[in-house]
Amino acid sequence: MDIVVKVENLFKEIEGRQILKGVSFDVRAGEIFTIIGGSGSGKTSITKHIVGLWKPTSGRVEVFGKNVAELSQQELDLLRKDIGYVFQEGALFDSLRVWENVGFYFLEHTNMSKEEIRKIALEKLKLVNLEEDVLDLMPSELSGGMRKRVAIARAIATNPKLIIYDEPTSGLDPITSRVIDQLILQLREKTGSTAIVVTHDMISAFTISDRLLVLKKGETVVLGTPQEVLDSEDPFVKEFVGNMKDYLLAEQRNL
């Protein structure tokens, strides 16, 4: 199976503080790989290395077979075109309409016409179950769940091979959160993309993921399938995961 992301013995130190301490994992093509852990555990720090915002203190991060830290700015820009990033809280541009948010890359980097960009925007919005009537709305006119879906549509606008979701269900009610979970699964099926999900949402993590990485203070505690994580005897994992086994058993009975 092709490896999309490979992280080897990743260390990151900032002003004498160890942020990441020898983290290693790979992300396989087509899988949903989720990183969980408490606040300050290093989850988002890993994604910053993947997209080239940070360079390792030591260790190596490869994306699509390329050592990210060694890329020139031009090479890094090309790499990022193949990575979609869904920011926490959506991070839409308040002054731009929905179609302009979704088509922002093309507005900034191409000479495509407004009509062409609107067409692409509508195509991507339909993939996240939104229709033409939202194209000209402002972000302030959207619900929280709709804003998140527009943010996902923007992230997939360039047909990326890898999508990074940073707390995709943050700030959403439980029902809308499960809608976003289903959307992540549907997009994997429709586009064949690989996903890295950073989340605090345990229900999301254990229902959409192929594999999970559990972090504690910048170190790997356990890496494995949802079942392997649930079966872990590590005291931190048992406390962190809590009652997920009971929840998942109840969900299975309801299917």
C-alpha atoms as a PDB file:
ATOM      1  CA  MET A   1       0.000   0.000   0.000  1.00  0.00           C
ATOM      2  CA  ASP A   2       1.287   3.477  -0.896  1.00  0.00           C
ATOM      3  CA  ILE A   3       2.478   5.676   1.954  1.00  0.00           C
ATOM      4  CA  VAL A   4       1.215   9.272   1.726  1.00  0.00           C
ATOM      5  CA  VAL A   5       2.820  10.633   4.909  1.00  0.00           C
ATOM      6  CA  LYS A   6       5.814   9.172   6.739  1.00  0.00           C
ATOM      7  CA  VAL A   7       6.969  10.649  10.051  1.00  0.00           C
ATOM      8  CA  GLU A   8      10.219   9.282  11.478  1.00  0.00           C
ATOM      9  CA  ASN A   9      11.494  10.017  14.995  1.00  0.00           C
ATOM     10  CA  LEU A  10      10.121  13.567  14.931  1.00  0.00           C
ATOM     11  CA  PHE A  11      11.423  15.922  17.607  1.00  0.00           C
ATOM     12  CA  LYS A  12      10.476  19.592  17.925  1.00  0.00           C
ATOM     13  CA  GLU A  13      11.906  21.954  20.498  1.00  0.00           C
ATOM     14  CA  ILE A  14      10.843  25.602  20.883  1.00  0.00           C
ATOM     15  CA  GLU A  15      12.686  27.881  23.311  1.00  0.00           C
ATOM     16  CA  GLY A  16      13.959  24.918  25.290  1.00  0.00           C
ATOM     17  CA  ARG A  17      10.537  23.238  25.500  1.00  0.00           C
ATOM     18  CA  GLN A  18      10.084  19.801  23.946  1.00  0.00           C
ATOM     19  CA  ILE A  19       6.902  19.866  21.861  1.00  0.00           C
ATOM     20  CA  LEU A  20       7.334  16.521  20.092  1.00  0.00           C
ATOM     21  CA  LYS A  21       9.487  13.684  21.410  1.00  0.00           C
ATOM     22  CA  GLY A  22      10.345  11.053  18.821  1.00  0.00           C
ATOM     23  CA  VAL A  23       6.970  10.578  17.166  1.00  0.00           C
ATOM     24  CA  SER A  24       6.864   8.055  14.292  1.00  0.00           C
ATOM     25  CA  PHE A  25       3.979   6.864  12.107  1.00  0.00           C
ATOM     26  CA  ASP A  26       2.874   6.550   8.517  1.00  0.00           C
ATOM     27  CA  VAL A  27      -0.415   7.338   6.789  1.00  0.00           C
ATOM     28  CA  ARG A  28      -1.488   4.986   4.028  1.00  0.00           C
ATOM     29  CA  ALA A  29      -3.222   6.023   0.827  1.00  0.00           C
ATOM     30  CA  GLY A  30      -6.993   6.141   1.193  1.00  0.00           C
ATOM     31  CA  GLU A  31      -7.151   5.759   4.959  1.00  0.00           C
ATOM     32  CA  ILE A  32      -8.603   8.030   7.626  1.00  0.00           C
ATOM     33  CA  PHE A  33      -5.841   8.462  10.213  1.00  0.00           C
ATOM     34  CA  THR A  34      -6.797  10.260  13.402  1.00  0.00           C
ATOM     35  CA  ILE A  35      -4.562  11.918  15.985  1.00  0.00           C
ATOM     36  CA  ILE A  36      -6.029  12.288  19.473  1.00  0.00           C
ATOM     37  CA  GLY A  37      -4.701  13.538  22.784  1.00  0.00           C
ATOM     38  CA  GLY A  38      -5.268  16.240  25.350  1.00  0.00           C
ATOM     39  CA  SER A  39      -4.622  19.949  24.819  1.00  0.00           C
ATOM     40  CA  GLY A  40      -0.912  20.599  24.354  1.00  0.00           C
ATOM     41  CA  SER A  41      -0.163  16.988  23.425  1.00  0.00           C
ATOM     42  CA  GLY A  42       1.354  17.955  20.049  1.00  0.00           C
ATOM     43  CA  LYS A  43      -1.489  17.094  17.651  1.00  0.00           C
ATOM     44  CA  THR A  44      -1.505  20.321  15.639  1.00  0.00           C
ATOM     45  CA  SER A  45       2.299  20.554  15.881  1.00  0.00           C
ATOM     46  CA  ILE A  46       2.487  17.418  13.754  1.00  0.00           C
ATOM     47  CA  THR A  47       0.242  18.869  11.033  1.00  0.00           C
ATOM     48  CA  LYS A  48       2.371  22.035  10.955  1.00  0.00           C
ATOM     49  CA  HIS A  49       5.348  19.856  10.034  1.00  0.00           C
ATOM     50  CA  ILE A  50       3.346  17.995   7.387  1.00  0.00           C
ATOM     51  CA  VAL A  51       2.415  21.216   5.558  1.00  0.00           C
ATOM     52  CA  GLY A  52       5.870  22.734   6.006  1.00  0.00           C
ATOM     53  CA  LEU A  53       5.030  25.540   8.431  1.00  0.00           C
ATOM     54  CA  TRP A  54       7.519  24.102  10.929  1.00  0.00           C
ATOM     55  CA  LYS A  55      10.808  22.272  10.403  1.00  0.00           C
ATOM     56  CA  PRO A  56      11.840  19.421  12.715  1.00  0.00           C
ATOM     57  CA  THR A  57      14.479  19.949  15.353  1.00  0.00           C
ATOM     58  CA  SER A  58      15.423  16.417  14.343  1.00  0.00           C
ATOM     59  CA  GLY A  59      13.752  13.567  12.543  1.00  0.00           C
ATOM     60  CA  ARG A  60      12.082  13.467   9.151  1.00  0.00           C
ATOM     61  CA  VAL A  61       8.659  14.171   7.640  1.00  0.00           C
ATOM     62  CA  GLU A  62       7.916  12.918   4.129  1.00  0.00           C
ATOM     63  CA  VAL A  63       4.760  13.761   2.175  1.00  0.00           C
ATOM     64  CA  PHE A  64       4.195  12.034  -1.166  1.00  0.00           C
ATOM     65  CA  GLY A  65       7.755  10.730  -0.860  1.00  0.00           C
ATOM     66  CA  LYS A  66       9.330  14.179  -0.457  1.00  0.00           C
ATOM     67  CA  ASN A  67      11.256  15.387   2.581  1.00  0.00           C
ATOM     68  CA  VAL A  68       9.210  18.482   3.446  1.00  0.00           C
ATOM     69  CA  ALA A  69      12.023  20.273   5.311  1.00  0.00           C
ATOM     70  CA  GLU A  70      14.280  20.169   2.230  1.00  0.00           C
ATOM     71  CA  LEU A  71      11.797  21.646  -0.249  1.00  0.00           C
ATOM     72  CA  SER A  72      12.258  25.102  -1.773  1.00  0.00           C
ATOM     73  CA  GLN A  73       9.394  27.576  -1.379  1.00  0.00           C
ATOM     74  CA  GLN A  74       8.257  26.857  -4.941  1.00  0.00           C
ATOM     75  CA  GLU A  75       8.325  23.099  -4.326  1.00  0.00           C
ATOM     76  CA  LEU A  76       6.491  23.590  -1.046  1.00  0.00           C
ATOM     77  CA  ASP A  77       3.771  25.620  -2.789  1.00  0.00           C
ATOM     78  CA  LEU A  78       3.282  22.799  -5.293  1.00  0.00           C
ATOM     79  CA  LEU A  79       3.110  20.249  -2.485  1.00  0.00           C
ATOM     80  CA  ARG A  80       0.499  22.290  -0.625  1.00  0.00           C
ATOM     81  CA  LYS A  81      -1.698  22.338  -3.729  1.00  0.00           C
ATOM     82  CA  ASP A  82      -2.142  18.604  -3.136  1.00  0.00           C
ATOM     83  CA  ILE A  83      -3.050  19.122   0.536  1.00  0.00           C
ATOM     84  CA  GLY A  84      -6.455  20.421   1.614  1.00  0.00           C
ATOM     85  CA  TYR A  85      -6.635  21.932   5.111  1.00  0.00           C
ATOM     86  CA  VAL A  86      -9.858  22.357   7.069  1.00  0.00           C
ATOM     87  CA  PHE A  87      -9.106  24.849   9.822  1.00  0.00           C
ATOM     88  CA  GLN A  88     -10.598  24.704  13.288  1.00  0.00           C
ATOM     89  CA  GLU A  89     -13.804  26.804  13.362  1.00  0.00           C
ATOM     90  CA  GLY A  90     -13.746  26.878   9.545  1.00  0.00           C
ATOM     91  CA  ALA A  91     -11.750  30.131   9.227  1.00  0.00           C
ATOM     92  CA  LEU A  92     -13.838  31.469   6.342  1.00  0.00           C
ATOM     93  CA  PHE A  93     -13.159  34.975   5.046  1.00  0.00           C
ATOM     94  CA  ASP A  94     -16.008  37.055   6.486  1.00  0.00           C
ATOM     95  CA  SER A  95     -15.860  39.643   3.682  1.00  0.00           C
ATOM     96  CA  LEU A  96     -16.142  37.072   0.866  1.00  0.00           C
ATOM     97  CA  ARG A  97     -19.232  35.264  -0.388  1.00  0.00           C
ATOM     98  CA  VAL A  98     -19.443  31.492  -0.222  1.00  0.00           C
ATOM     99  CA  TRP A  99     -18.352  30.972  -3.851  1.00  0.00           C
ATOM    100  CA  GLU A 100     -15.383  33.299  -3.337  1.00  0.00           C
ATOM    101  CA  ASN A 101     -14.336  31.403  -0.204  1.00  0.00           C
ATOM    102  CA  VAL A 102     -14.530  28.041  -1.958  1.00  0.00           C
ATOM    103  CA  GLY A 103     -12.787  29.363  -5.071  1.00  0.00           C
ATOM    104  CA  PHE A 104     -10.223  31.466  -3.205  1.00  0.00           C
ATOM    105  CA  TYR A 105      -7.222  29.543  -4.587  1.00  0.00           C
ATOM    106  CA  PHE A 106      -8.353  30.165  -8.158  1.00  0.00           C
ATOM    107  CA  LEU A 107      -9.111  33.845  -7.490  1.00  0.00           C
ATOM    108  CA  GLU A 108      -5.601  34.333  -6.120  1.00  0.00           C
ATOM    109  CA  HIS A 109      -3.498  32.095  -8.357  1.00  0.00           C
ATOM    110  CA  THR A 110      -5.226  31.861 -11.762  1.00  0.00           C
ATOM    111  CA  ASN A 111      -6.807  34.029 -14.422  1.00  0.00           C
ATOM    112  CA  MET A 112      -9.997  31.975 -14.485  1.00  0.00           C
ATOM    113  CA  SER A 113     -13.249  33.858 -15.040  1.00  0.00           C
ATOM    114  CA  LYS A 114     -15.792  34.444 -12.305  1.00  0.00           C
ATOM    115  CA  GLU A 115     -18.174  32.042 -14.068  1.00  0.00           C
ATOM    116  CA  GLU A 116     -15.549  29.265 -14.179  1.00  0.00           C
ATOM    117  CA  ILE A 117     -14.729  29.688 -10.490  1.00  0.00           C
ATOM    118  CA  ARG A 118     -18.419  29.731  -9.516  1.00  0.00           C
ATOM    119  CA  LYS A 119     -18.865  26.480 -11.443  1.00  0.00           C
ATOM    120  CA  ILE A 120     -15.997  24.822  -9.541  1.00  0.00           C
ATOM    121  CA  ALA A 121     -17.357  26.188  -6.251  1.00  0.00           C
ATOM    122  CA  LEU A 122     -20.809  24.751  -6.928  1.00  0.00           C
ATOM    123  CA  GLU A 123     -19.324  21.376  -7.862  1.00  0.00           C
ATOM    124  CA  LYS A 124     -17.423  21.210  -4.564  1.00  0.00           C
ATOM    125  CA  LEU A 125     -20.386  22.495  -2.538  1.00  0.00           C
ATOM    126  CA  LYS A 126     -22.531  19.705  -3.929  1.00  0.00           C
ATOM    127  CA  LEU A 127     -19.941  17.201  -2.713  1.00  0.00           C
ATOM    128  CA  VAL A 128     -20.588  18.476   0.829  1.00  0.00           C
ATOM    129  CA  ASN A 129     -24.366  18.441   0.330  1.00  0.00           C
ATOM    130  CA  LEU A 130     -24.903  22.169  -0.244  1.00  0.00           C
ATOM    131  CA  GLU A 131     -26.700  23.645  -3.251  1.00  0.00           C
ATOM    132  CA  GLU A 132     -26.602  26.671  -5.546  1.00  0.00           C
ATOM    133  CA  ASP A 133     -28.684  28.820  -3.205  1.00  0.00           C
ATOM    134  CA  VAL A 134     -25.686  29.275  -0.854  1.00  0.00           C
ATOM    135  CA  LEU A 135     -23.230  30.547  -3.505  1.00  0.00           C
ATOM    136  CA  ASP A 136     -23.850  34.237  -2.878  1.00  0.00           C
ATOM    137  CA  LEU A 137     -24.412  34.095   0.865  1.00  0.00           C
ATOM    138  CA  MET A 138     -21.953  35.596   3.338  1.00  0.00           C
ATOM    139  CA  PRO A 139     -20.448  33.386   6.082  1.00  0.00           C
ATOM    140  CA  SER A 140     -22.470  35.312   8.688  1.00  0.00           C
ATOM    141  CA  GLU A 141     -25.650  34.029   7.030  1.00  0.00           C
ATOM    142  CA  LEU A 142     -24.690  30.383   7.514  1.00  0.00           C
ATOM    143  CA  SER A 143     -25.228  28.023  10.441  1.00  0.00           C
ATOM    144  CA  GLY A 144     -22.193  26.525  12.173  1.00  0.00           C
ATOM    145  CA  GLY A 145     -22.597  23.238  10.340  1.00  0.00           C
ATOM    146  CA  MET A 146     -22.948  24.984   6.977  1.00  0.00           C
ATOM    147  CA  ARG A 147     -19.829  27.067   7.616  1.00  0.00           C
ATOM    148  CA  LYS A 148     -17.902  23.892   8.357  1.00  0.00           C
ATOM    149  CA  ARG A 149     -19.135  22.307   5.131  1.00  0.00           C
ATOM    150  CA  VAL A 150     -18.132  25.387   3.128  1.00  0.00           C
ATOM    151  CA  ALA A 151     -14.692  25.178   4.752  1.00  0.00           C
ATOM    152  CA  ILE A 152     -14.433  21.544   3.637  1.00  0.00           C
ATOM    153  CA  ALA A 153     -15.561  22.506   0.106  1.00  0.00           C
ATOM    154  CA  ARG A 154     -12.766  25.097   0.033  1.00  0.00           C
ATOM    155  CA  ALA A 155     -10.253  22.487   1.216  1.00  0.00           C
ATOM    156  CA  ILE A 156     -11.164  20.112  -1.638  1.00  0.00           C
ATOM    157  CA  ALA A 157     -11.355  22.811  -4.337  1.00  0.00           C
ATOM    158  CA  THR A 158      -7.984  21.868  -5.870  1.00  0.00           C
ATOM    159  CA  ASN A 159      -8.721  18.110  -5.741  1.00  0.00           C
ATOM    160  CA  PRO A 160      -6.075  17.408  -3.084  1.00  0.00           C
ATOM    161  CA  LYS A 161      -4.766  13.908  -2.492  1.00  0.00           C
ATOM    162  CA  LEU A 162      -4.520  14.555   1.260  1.00  0.00           C
ATOM    163  CA  ILE A 163      -7.038  16.397   3.450  1.00  0.00           C
ATOM    164  CA  ILE A 164      -6.138  17.517   6.979  1.00  0.00           C
ATOM    165  CA  TYR A 165      -9.098  18.176   9.269  1.00  0.00           C
ATOM    166  CA  ASP A 166      -8.228  20.232  12.368  1.00  0.00           C
ATOM    167  CA  GLU A 167     -10.974  19.674  14.962  1.00  0.00           C
ATOM    168  CA  PRO A 168     -13.702  19.287  12.303  1.00  0.00           C
ATOM    169  CA  THR A 169     -16.547  18.934  14.832  1.00  0.00           C
ATOM    170  CA  SER A 170     -15.361  21.671  17.211  1.00  0.00           C
ATOM    171  CA  GLY A 171     -18.155  24.021  18.269  1.00  0.00           C
ATOM    172  CA  LEU A 172     -20.903  21.907  16.697  1.00  0.00           C
ATOM    173  CA  ASP A 173     -23.843  20.218  18.422  1.00  0.00           C
ATOM    174  CA  PRO A 174     -23.786  16.395  18.633  1.00  0.00           C
ATOM    175  CA  ILE A 175     -26.166  15.850  15.706  1.00  0.00           C
ATOM    176  CA  THR A 176     -24.265  18.195  13.367  1.00  0.00           C
ATOM    177  CA  SER A 177     -20.987  16.628  14.505  1.00  0.00           C
ATOM    178  CA  ARG A 178     -22.180  13.219  13.337  1.00  0.00           C
ATOM    179  CA  VAL A 179     -23.231  14.771   9.994  1.00  0.00           C
ATOM    180  CA  ILE A 180     -19.660  16.053   9.550  1.00  0.00           C
ATOM    181  CA  ASP A 181     -18.326  12.578  10.429  1.00  0.00           C
ATOM    182  CA  GLN A 182     -20.447  11.054   7.674  1.00  0.00           C
ATOM    183  CA  LEU A 183     -19.278  13.739   5.272  1.00  0.00           C
ATOM    184  CA  ILE A 184     -15.616  12.881   5.929  1.00  0.00           C
ATOM    185  CA  LEU A 185     -16.383   9.232   5.171  1.00  0.00           C
ATOM    186  CA  GLN A 186     -18.362  10.135   2.030  1.00  0.00           C
ATOM    187  CA  LEU A 187     -15.578  12.354   0.696  1.00  0.00           C
ATOM    188  CA  ARG A 188     -13.095   9.521   1.085  1.00  0.00           C
ATOM    189  CA  GLU A 189     -15.416   7.328  -0.990  1.00  0.00           C
ATOM    190  CA  LYS A 190     -16.174  10.002  -3.620  1.00  0.00           C
ATOM    191  CA  THR A 191     -12.670  11.424  -4.089  1.00  0.00           C
ATOM    192  CA  GLY A 192     -10.347   8.605  -3.002  1.00  0.00           C
ATOM    193  CA  SER A 193      -8.444  11.098  -0.863  1.00  0.00           C
ATOM    194  CA  THR A 194      -6.460  10.328   2.273  1.00  0.00           C
ATOM    195  CA  ALA A 195      -7.460  12.064   5.511  1.00  0.00           C
ATOM    196  CA  ILE A 196      -5.633  13.068   8.668  1.00  0.00           C
ATOM    197  CA  VAL A 197      -8.043  14.116  11.418  1.00  0.00           C
ATOM    198  CA  VAL A 198      -6.981  15.975  14.564  1.00  0.00           C
ATOM    199  CA  THR A 199      -9.755  15.863  17.145  1.00  0.00           C
ATOM    200  CA  HIS A 200     -10.845  15.898  20.780  1.00  0.00           C
ATOM    201  CA  ASP A 201     -14.131  14.262  19.742  1.00  0.00           C
ATOM    202  CA  MET A 202     -13.871  10.661  20.922  1.00  0.00           C
ATOM    203  CA  ILE A 203     -17.079   9.550  19.177  1.00  0.00           C
ATOM    204  CA  SER A 204     -15.775  10.906  15.880  1.00  0.00           C
ATOM    205  CA  ALA A 205     -12.326   9.395  16.375  1.00  0.00           C
ATOM    206  CA  PHE A 206     -13.606   5.889  17.049  1.00  0.00           C
ATOM    207  CA  THR A 207     -16.325   5.816  14.396  1.00  0.00           C
ATOM    208  CA  ILE A 208     -14.575   7.211  11.290  1.00  0.00           C
ATOM    209  CA  SER A 209     -10.930   6.167  11.720  1.00  0.00           C
ATOM    210  CA  ASP A 210      -8.996   3.304  10.185  1.00  0.00           C
ATOM    211  CA  ARG A 211      -6.165   3.888  12.659  1.00  0.00           C
ATOM    212  CA  LEU A 212      -5.548   6.158  15.633  1.00  0.00           C
ATOM    213  CA  LEU A 213      -2.460   7.759  17.158  1.00  0.00           C
ATOM    214  CA  VAL A 214      -2.797   8.644  20.841  1.00  0.00           C
ATOM    215  CA  LEU A 215      -0.408  11.353  22.063  1.00  0.00           C
ATOM    216  CA  LYS A 216       0.541  12.469  25.564  1.00  0.00           C
ATOM    217  CA  LYS A 217       2.859  15.437  26.055  1.00  0.00           C
ATOM    218  CA  GLY A 218       4.436  15.018  22.628  1.00  0.00           C
ATOM    219  CA  GLU A 219       4.978  11.269  22.837  1.00  0.00           C
ATOM    220  CA  THR A 220       3.201   8.316  21.258  1.00  0.00           C
ATOM    221  CA  VAL A 221       1.222   6.304  23.787  1.00  0.00           C
ATOM    222  CA  VAL A 222      -0.412   3.878  21.381  1.00  0.00           C
ATOM    223  CA  LEU A 223      -0.890   3.544  17.612  1.00  0.00           C
ATOM    224  CA  GLY A 224      -3.388   1.134  16.111  1.00  0.00           C
ATOM    225  CA  THR A 225      -6.906   0.420  14.939  1.00  0.00           C
ATOM    226  CA  PRO A 226      -9.805   1.741  17.024  1.00  0.00           C
ATOM    227  CA  GLN A 227     -10.228  -1.727  18.537  1.00  0.00           C
ATOM    228  CA  GLU A 228      -6.534  -1.996  19.367  1.00  0.00           C
ATOM    229  CA  VAL A 229      -6.662   1.381  21.106  1.00  0.00           C
ATOM    230  CA  LEU A 230      -9.791   0.372  23.019  1.00  0.00           C
ATOM    231  CA  ASP A 231      -8.054  -2.835  24.120  1.00  0.00           C
ATOM    232  CA  SER A 232      -4.922  -1.012  25.322  1.00  0.00           C
ATOM    233  CA  GLU A 233      -3.987  -1.611  28.938  1.00  0.00           C
ATOM    234  CA  ASP A 234      -2.091   1.675  29.177  1.00  0.00           C
ATOM    235  CA  PRO A 235      -3.553   3.607  32.153  1.00  0.00           C
ATOM    236  CA  PHE A 236      -3.539   6.932  30.291  1.00  0.00           C
ATOM    237  CA  VAL A 237      -5.371   5.443  27.296  1.00  0.00           C
ATOM    238  CA  LYS A 238      -7.945   3.710  29.500  1.00  0.00           C
ATOM    239  CA  GLU A 239      -8.683   6.981  31.284  1.00  0.00           C
ATOM    240  CA  PHE A 240      -8.605   9.092  28.111  1.00  0.00           C
ATOM    241  CA  VAL A 241     -10.868   6.794  26.111  1.00  0.00           C
ATOM    242  CA  GLY A 242     -13.268   6.487  29.017  1.00  0.00           C
ATOM    243  CA  ASN A 243     -16.561   4.786  28.229  1.00  0.00           C
ATOM    244  CA  MET A 244     -16.106   4.535  24.469  1.00  0.00           C
ATOM    245  CA  LYS A 245     -16.452   0.726  24.504  1.00  0.00           C
ATOM    246  CA  ASP A 246     -19.908   0.977  26.056  1.00  0.00           C
ATOM    247  CA  TYR A 247     -20.920   3.719  23.647  1.00  0.00           C
ATOM    248  CA  LEU A 248     -19.777   1.784  20.564  1.00  0.00           C
ATOM    249  CA  LEU A 249     -21.514  -1.390  21.718  1.00  0.00           C
ATOM    250  CA  ALA A 250     -24.738   0.601  22.181  1.00  0.00           C
ATOM    251  CA  GLU A 251     -24.354   2.112  18.708  1.00  0.00           C
ATOM    252  CA  GLN A 252     -23.872  -1.332  17.164  1.00  0.00           C
ATOM    253  CA  ARG A 253     -27.052  -2.574  18.865  1.00  0.00           C
ATOM    254  CA  ASN A 254     -28.949   0.381  17.377  1.00  0.00           C
ATOM    255  CA  LEU A 255     -27.845  -0.376  13.786  1.00  0.00           C
END
